[in-house]
Every structure is written in C-alpha cells, then in structure tokens.
C-alpha cells in the first residue's frame, strides 16, 4: 500500500511557466496554449513520479479502472488540471475568451443571500472553483475565499498581478486563527465565504469518513466554523465539461438550528459534504486534483 503522505499546504508550478502561458494566450490565443499544455501534461506523467503514482492509484484502486484505463486517465487528469489553471488566469485576468456556463442551483444561493445572515460555500480541490466566482457576481454580494497561503510568494504575486480584477477577496488561513475573525466579520456583512473542505495539514483536527470505498480524513475546521456561526451552508462545484463550457452546481443549504448540538451538526454536515463530493467525483473522475495519498494507510 502507499505510504500516507498528508498534503503539505503548497501548490506546484513556477513563475516562468505562468508567464509563458499568459504570453501565448495574449499573443496567439487559447488553442495554442492548450496545445502546449499537452506537452506539459506528458512531461508530468514521465518526470513527476510521486504525484503520478498517487493519481494512478486513485484511478486504479478507488475507481477500479483497468491498468490501461488508469494510465490514460492520469495523462487526461494532468491535461485538464492545466486547462483549469489556464482558464482561471484567462477569466480573472480579463483575457478575451468564449467560455459558456450552465448553473444548477442558483436559486439556492439566492435564498442564502436573501436571508441576510451571510453564507458559507464549501467545495473541494475538484473542477475549477475560482472561475465560478465570476458567475457569483450576479448575486450582487461580496465573495470571500479562504485558502492556505501555500503558494511560493513569487508565483502568488505574479498571479495576483495578472488577475488584478478578480471578483473575490482572499482570506488567508493563519495559525493564530485570525482568519476566523475575518470570516465572522464577512458573514455579519451578509457576504459569502467559500472554503475548501477536502484538505488538511499536519497536526490539524480531522474527521474520518468513508470515501470511494475507503476511509479518508477531512479537515474538521470548515464544518466547525459553519456550525459555530449558524449560517446557511451550500456545497458548490464547477466542472469543465468541454474546452469552453463549465457546469456549476450549488446544493440546497443546510443550517444549524438552536436545538442542534454543534458536534451533531458537524458530523451531519461532513457526511453530506463527503457524499456529495463522491457523487461529483464519479461524474467527473478526471477532475480530481489532490496529488498525494488522500486515503489512510
């Protein structure tokens, strides 16, 4: 079995790579950039053995694909992941594009906004959440995204420069828990707060759940925060269905009531999230972007 290697809180890539793809998009268009991604995806298959081993195991052992199917899907996974990163820069950077969108569950988010209590949107490292933030502009409410400050600073500064008109505010998770106060302030202003609920870093509290036929650990923080503030919670995902089309999902909201204990609501919320995530992963298997051993040994 694979050794359990928890996520380290850092994303991969380098500044030069981003610069090259942005240059190609601006000068030649999106299709030449996608073509270049095919070469990059093949490079990662060959020269990133650790991540390739983990993503191959996901297809082979969790989705029960054949050895040949799993090998093909590893390449497709890298390619689609590159597309989602590029699409994010294109859309948030204002580069001309022809992306289209389909929205399932917009009425659920409108209900949350109408209650004027704020709301929490939980998602995972699947699909392309950042690009969906553009679609939330129609709700006429400020969107905050909570994330680890795990990108190398040079890359982070470059991405922020080319996507200076992004539609959301970033709340950085910190060890002193100051981000919890920022979340509280945003909710008091009837803003939406988006969090990923599928990754944790070492020494953080977790919840064990059955996921794709094996036990996996999920961070308890996002579920605990939702229970603490007692605001409506929806699960949201955005998946790439064709080269230029995205499908956005938002579930009916859950909310902790006064007679619900915090621990019971946390468990119920986590179970519903994991079940929903599993359903979406089975629909879009190539858009699972956790490149480490997600499951317990």
Protein backbone atom coordinates (compact mmCIF):
# COMPACT_ATOMS: atom_id res chain seq x y z
CA UNK A 1 0.00 0.00 0.00
CA UNK A 2 1.04 3.59 -0.48
CA UNK A 3 2.53 5.37 2.48
CA UNK A 4 0.21 8.01 3.87
CA UNK A 5 1.64 11.40 2.89
CA UNK A 6 -0.52 14.34 4.01
CA UNK A 7 -0.76 17.43 1.91
CA UNK A 8 1.97 19.94 2.76
CA UNK A 9 -0.05 23.11 2.09
CA UNK A 10 1.88 24.14 -1.03
CA UNK A 11 0.94 24.20 -4.71
CA UNK A 12 3.25 23.28 -7.55
CA UNK A 13 4.48 25.27 -10.52
CA UNK A 14 6.82 28.17 -11.19
CA UNK A 15 6.55 31.78 -12.24
CA UNK A 16 8.18 31.25 -15.65
CA UNK A 17 5.59 28.62 -16.56
CA UNK A 18 2.71 31.00 -15.81
CA UNK A 19 4.41 33.78 -17.77
CA UNK A 20 4.82 31.58 -20.84
CA UNK A 21 1.18 30.52 -20.90
CA UNK A 22 -0.12 34.06 -20.34
CA UNK A 23 2.12 35.28 -23.18
CA UNK A 24 0.83 32.56 -25.54
CA UNK A 25 -2.80 33.33 -24.65
CA UNK A 26 -2.36 37.06 -25.21
CA UNK A 27 -0.43 36.74 -28.47
CA UNK A 28 -1.74 33.55 -30.08
CA UNK A 29 -4.98 32.65 -28.31
CA UNK A 30 -6.26 29.87 -26.10
CA UNK A 31 -5.93 26.95 -28.52
CA UNK A 32 -2.14 27.21 -28.96
CA UNK A 33 -1.89 27.44 -25.17
CA UNK A 34 -3.98 24.28 -24.79
CA UNK A 35 -1.74 22.54 -27.31
CA UNK A 36 1.31 23.49 -25.27
CA UNK A 37 -0.42 22.05 -22.22
CA UNK A 38 -0.50 18.63 -23.90
CA UNK A 39 3.30 18.62 -23.91
CA UNK A 40 3.45 19.80 -20.28
CA UNK A 41 0.96 17.10 -19.21
CA UNK A 42 3.10 14.41 -20.85
CA UNK A 43 6.16 15.82 -19.09
CA UNK A 44 4.48 15.44 -15.68
CA UNK A 45 3.47 11.86 -16.45
CA UNK A 46 7.12 11.00 -17.08
CA UNK A 47 9.00 13.22 -14.67
CA UNK A 48 6.72 13.63 -11.65
CA UNK A 49 6.71 10.04 -10.36
CA UNK A 50 5.40 10.82 -6.88
CA UNK A 51 2.24 12.65 -7.99
CA UNK A 52 1.78 10.27 -10.92
CA UNK A 53 1.89 7.30 -8.56
CA UNK A 54 -0.76 8.80 -6.30
CA UNK A 55 -3.14 9.84 -9.09
CA UNK A 56 -2.70 6.44 -10.81
CA UNK A 57 -3.65 4.74 -7.54
CA UNK A 58 -6.78 6.93 -7.37
CA UNK A 59 -7.94 5.70 -10.77
CA UNK A 60 -6.83 2.09 -10.29
CA UNK A 61 -7.82 1.41 -6.68
CA UNK A 62 -10.57 3.92 -5.91
CA UNK A 63 -12.41 3.99 -9.24
CA UNK A 64 -11.47 0.43 -10.22
CA UNK A 65 -10.27 1.33 -13.71
CA UNK A 66 -8.07 -1.14 -15.59
CA UNK A 67 -4.29 -0.59 -15.69
CA UNK A 68 -4.53 0.80 -19.25
CA UNK A 69 -7.54 3.00 -18.44
CA UNK A 70 -5.81 4.36 -15.37
CA UNK A 71 -2.68 5.23 -17.36
CA UNK A 72 -4.72 7.13 -19.97
CA UNK A 73 -6.69 8.94 -17.28
CA UNK A 74 -3.53 10.05 -15.50
CA UNK A 75 -2.50 11.94 -18.63
CA UNK A 76 -6.02 13.36 -19.07
CA UNK A 77 -6.06 14.44 -15.44
CA UNK A 78 -2.82 16.42 -15.81
CA UNK A 79 -4.08 17.98 -19.04
CA UNK A 80 -7.44 19.05 -17.61
CA UNK A 81 -5.73 20.38 -14.48
CA UNK A 82 -3.50 22.56 -16.65
CA UNK A 83 -6.57 23.78 -18.52
CA UNK A 84 -8.34 24.79 -15.32
CA UNK A 85 -5.30 26.77 -14.14
CA UNK A 86 -5.05 28.49 -17.50
CA UNK A 87 -8.79 29.17 -17.63
CA UNK A 88 -8.58 30.80 -14.20
CA UNK A 89 -5.90 33.22 -15.36
CA UNK A 90 -7.76 33.92 -18.61
CA UNK A 91 -11.10 34.71 -16.97
CA UNK A 92 -9.86 36.55 -13.88
CA UNK A 93 -7.23 38.39 -15.90
CA UNK A 94 -9.79 39.72 -18.38
CA UNK A 95 -8.26 37.94 -21.40
CA UNK A 96 -10.74 37.63 -24.26
CA UNK A 97 -12.50 34.24 -24.24
CA UNK A 98 -15.69 32.42 -25.25
CA UNK A 99 -16.41 30.37 -22.15
CA UNK A 100 -20.03 29.41 -21.50
CA UNK A 101 -21.65 28.26 -18.26
CA UNK A 102 -24.58 26.21 -17.00
CA UNK A 103 -25.75 26.85 -13.44
CA UNK A 104 -27.62 24.23 -11.37
CA UNK A 105 -28.81 25.59 -8.04
CA UNK A 106 -28.52 29.36 -8.45
CA UNK A 107 -31.85 29.64 -6.65
CA UNK A 108 -30.27 28.02 -3.57
CA UNK A 109 -27.62 30.73 -3.37
CA UNK A 110 -30.19 33.47 -3.94
CA UNK A 111 -32.13 32.14 -0.93
CA UNK A 112 -29.00 32.32 1.20
CA UNK A 113 -28.33 35.92 0.17
CA UNK A 114 -31.99 36.88 0.75
CA UNK A 115 -31.83 35.74 4.40
CA UNK A 116 -29.16 38.39 5.05
CA UNK A 117 -27.27 36.22 7.52
CA UNK A 118 -24.27 35.63 5.30
CA UNK A 119 -23.48 32.17 3.98
CA UNK A 120 -20.74 29.58 3.68
CA UNK A 121 -19.98 27.73 0.44
CA UNK A 122 -17.99 24.51 0.81
CA UNK A 123 -16.10 22.99 -2.10
CA UNK A 124 -13.06 20.81 -2.80
CA UNK A 125 -9.99 20.58 -4.99
CA UNK A 126 -12.02 19.29 -7.90
CA UNK A 127 -13.06 21.14 -11.05
CA UNK A 128 -12.38 24.85 -11.09
CA UNK A 129 -13.83 26.83 -8.22
CA UNK A 130 -12.07 30.13 -8.94
CA UNK A 131 -13.60 30.54 -12.38
CA UNK A 132 -17.05 30.08 -10.88
CA UNK A 133 -16.57 33.21 -8.79
CA UNK A 134 -17.29 35.20 -11.93
CA UNK A 135 -20.74 33.63 -12.05
CA UNK A 136 -21.48 34.67 -8.47
CA UNK A 137 -21.30 38.34 -9.42
CA UNK A 138 -24.96 38.14 -10.43
CA UNK A 139 -25.86 37.64 -6.78
CA UNK A 140 -24.71 41.21 -6.02
CA UNK A 141 -22.86 40.15 -2.89
CA UNK A 142 -19.19 40.15 -1.94
CA UNK A 143 -17.47 36.76 -2.14
CA UNK A 144 -14.58 35.79 0.15
CA UNK A 145 -12.35 32.77 -0.47
CA UNK A 146 -10.48 31.18 2.45
CA UNK A 147 -7.23 29.49 1.45
CA UNK A 148 -3.83 28.40 2.69
CA UNK A 149 -1.01 30.81 1.94
CA UNK A 150 0.94 27.92 0.46
CA UNK A 151 1.97 29.23 -2.94
CA UNK A 152 5.51 30.46 -3.33
CA UNK A 153 5.34 34.23 -2.89
CA UNK A 154 6.84 35.00 -6.30
CA UNK A 155 4.19 32.95 -8.09
CA UNK A 156 1.44 34.37 -5.89
CA UNK A 157 2.46 37.96 -6.63
CA UNK A 158 2.54 37.27 -10.37
CA UNK A 159 -0.91 35.64 -10.41
CA UNK A 160 -2.38 38.50 -8.38
CA UNK A 161 -0.92 40.99 -10.86
CA UNK A 162 -2.34 39.34 -13.99
CA UNK A 163 -5.70 38.73 -12.25
CA UNK A 164 -5.96 42.11 -10.56
CA UNK A 165 -9.68 42.40 -11.29
CA UNK A 166 -10.63 39.19 -9.54
CA UNK A 167 -14.18 39.03 -8.27
CA UNK A 168 -13.41 37.81 -4.75
CA UNK A 169 -11.49 38.71 -1.62
CA UNK A 170 -8.91 36.28 -0.23
CA UNK A 171 -8.86 35.40 3.49
CA UNK A 172 -5.58 33.69 4.35
CA UNK A 173 -5.65 30.89 6.95
CA UNK A 174 -3.20 31.57 9.78
CA UNK A 175 -2.01 29.62 12.82
CA UNK A 176 -3.25 32.35 15.17
CA UNK A 177 -6.83 31.77 13.91
CA UNK A 178 -7.23 35.44 12.96
CA UNK A 179 -8.89 34.24 9.77
CA UNK A 180 -11.87 33.08 11.87
CA UNK A 181 -12.50 36.67 12.94
CA UNK A 182 -12.29 37.81 9.31
CA UNK A 183 -14.83 35.13 8.38
CA UNK A 184 -17.14 36.30 11.17
CA UNK A 185 -16.92 39.91 10.01
CA UNK A 186 -17.71 38.92 6.42
CA UNK A 187 -20.75 36.91 7.50
CA UNK A 188 -22.04 39.81 9.60
CA UNK A 189 -21.97 41.91 6.42
CA UNK A 190 -24.12 39.29 4.62
CA UNK A 191 -21.19 38.20 2.46
CA UNK A 192 -20.45 34.73 1.14
CA UNK A 193 -17.43 32.83 2.45
CA UNK A 194 -16.03 29.98 0.34
CA UNK A 195 -13.83 27.25 1.80
CA UNK A 196 -12.31 24.02 0.57
CA UNK A 197 -13.24 21.13 2.85
CA UNK A 198 -11.14 18.29 1.47
CA UNK A 199 -7.55 19.02 2.56
CA UNK A 200 -5.83 19.32 5.90
CA UNK A 201 -2.28 19.98 7.00
CA UNK A 202 -0.31 18.14 9.65
CA UNK A 203 -1.47 18.39 13.27
CA UNK A 204 -4.87 19.86 12.37
CA UNK A 205 -8.11 18.25 13.57
CA UNK A 206 -9.78 15.91 11.10
CA UNK A 207 -12.92 13.83 10.60
CA UNK A 208 -12.66 10.29 9.20
CA UNK A 209 -15.26 9.38 6.57
CA UNK A 210 -15.82 6.58 4.10
CA UNK A 211 -14.97 7.99 0.67
CA UNK A 212 -14.70 5.99 -2.56
CA UNK A 213 -14.76 2.69 -0.66
CA UNK A 214 -12.01 3.53 1.81
CA UNK A 215 -11.52 5.68 4.89
CA UNK A 216 -10.19 9.20 4.31
CA UNK A 217 -9.64 12.18 6.57
CA UNK A 218 -11.24 15.57 6.02
CA UNK A 219 -10.47 18.81 7.89
CA UNK A 220 -12.94 19.48 10.69
CA UNK A 221 -12.28 23.25 10.58
CA UNK A 222 -14.67 24.24 7.75
CA UNK A 223 -17.52 22.21 9.24
CA UNK A 224 -16.85 23.51 12.74
CA UNK A 225 -16.81 27.13 11.52
CA UNK A 226 -20.14 26.61 9.75
CA UNK A 227 -21.63 25.14 12.92
CA UNK A 228 -20.25 27.93 15.10
CA UNK A 229 -21.71 30.80 13.06
CA UNK A 230 -25.04 29.01 12.37
CA UNK A 231 -25.33 30.42 8.84
CA UNK A 232 -26.69 28.64 5.75
CA UNK A 233 -24.19 26.28 4.09
CA UNK A 234 -24.24 25.11 0.47
CA UNK A 235 -21.86 22.77 -1.36
CA UNK A 236 -20.62 24.25 -4.62
CA UNK A 237 -18.61 22.81 -7.50
CA UNK A 238 -17.69 23.93 -11.02
CA UNK A 239 -16.59 21.34 -13.57
CA UNK A 240 -15.16 21.71 -17.04
CA UNK A 241 -17.39 19.76 -19.47
CA UNK A 242 -15.89 20.83 -22.79
CA UNK A 243 -12.97 23.03 -23.80
CA UNK A 244 -15.09 26.16 -23.34
CA UNK A 245 -18.02 25.11 -21.17
CA UNK A 246 -18.37 24.84 -17.39
CA UNK A 247 -21.14 23.32 -15.26
CA UNK A 248 -21.72 24.89 -11.84
CA UNK A 249 -23.56 23.13 -9.01
CA UNK A 250 -24.92 24.56 -5.75
CA UNK A 251 -26.84 22.31 -3.34
CA UNK A 252 -29.77 23.20 -1.10
CA UNK A 253 -28.42 24.77 2.04
CA UNK A 254 -28.05 23.25 5.49
CA UNK A 255 -28.14 25.30 8.66
CA UNK A 256 -27.62 24.59 12.34
CA UNK A 257 -30.64 25.42 14.45
CA UNK A 258 -30.74 26.32 18.14
CA UNK A 259 -31.74 22.79 19.21
CA UNK A 260 -28.90 21.17 17.24
CA UNK A 261 -25.73 20.35 19.14
CA UNK A 262 -22.56 21.55 17.47
CA UNK A 263 -20.97 18.11 17.30
CA UNK A 264 -24.06 16.50 15.75
CA UNK A 265 -24.34 19.22 13.11
CA UNK A 266 -20.63 18.97 12.28
CA UNK A 267 -20.98 15.22 11.71
CA UNK A 268 -24.12 15.60 9.63
CA UNK A 269 -22.65 18.41 7.55
CA UNK A 270 -19.40 16.50 6.96
CA UNK A 271 -21.26 13.34 5.95
CA UNK A 272 -23.41 15.23 3.46
CA UNK A 273 -20.40 17.01 2.01
CA UNK A 274 -18.42 13.80 1.55
CA UNK A 275 -21.42 12.08 -0.06
CA UNK A 276 -21.90 15.00 -2.47
CA UNK A 277 -18.18 15.14 -3.26
CA UNK A 278 -18.13 11.41 -4.00
CA UNK A 279 -21.07 11.80 -6.38
CA UNK A 280 -19.36 14.61 -8.29
CA UNK A 281 -16.02 12.76 -8.47
CA UNK A 282 -17.78 9.79 -10.04
CA UNK A 283 -19.37 12.12 -12.61
CA UNK A 284 -16.08 13.91 -13.37
CA UNK A 285 -13.28 11.45 -12.46
CA UNK A 286 -10.57 13.33 -14.40
CA UNK A 287 -11.09 16.47 -12.34
CA UNK A 288 -9.79 15.16 -9.01
CA UNK A 289 -6.77 17.36 -8.24
CA UNK A 290 -5.37 16.03 -4.96
CA UNK A 291 -1.87 14.84 -5.87
CA UNK A 292 -0.95 12.98 -2.70
CA UNK A 293 -2.18 9.87 -0.88
CA UNK A 294 -5.59 11.16 0.14
CA UNK A 295 -6.64 7.91 1.83
CA UNK A 296 -5.44 6.45 5.09
CA UNK A 297 -2.92 3.62 5.00
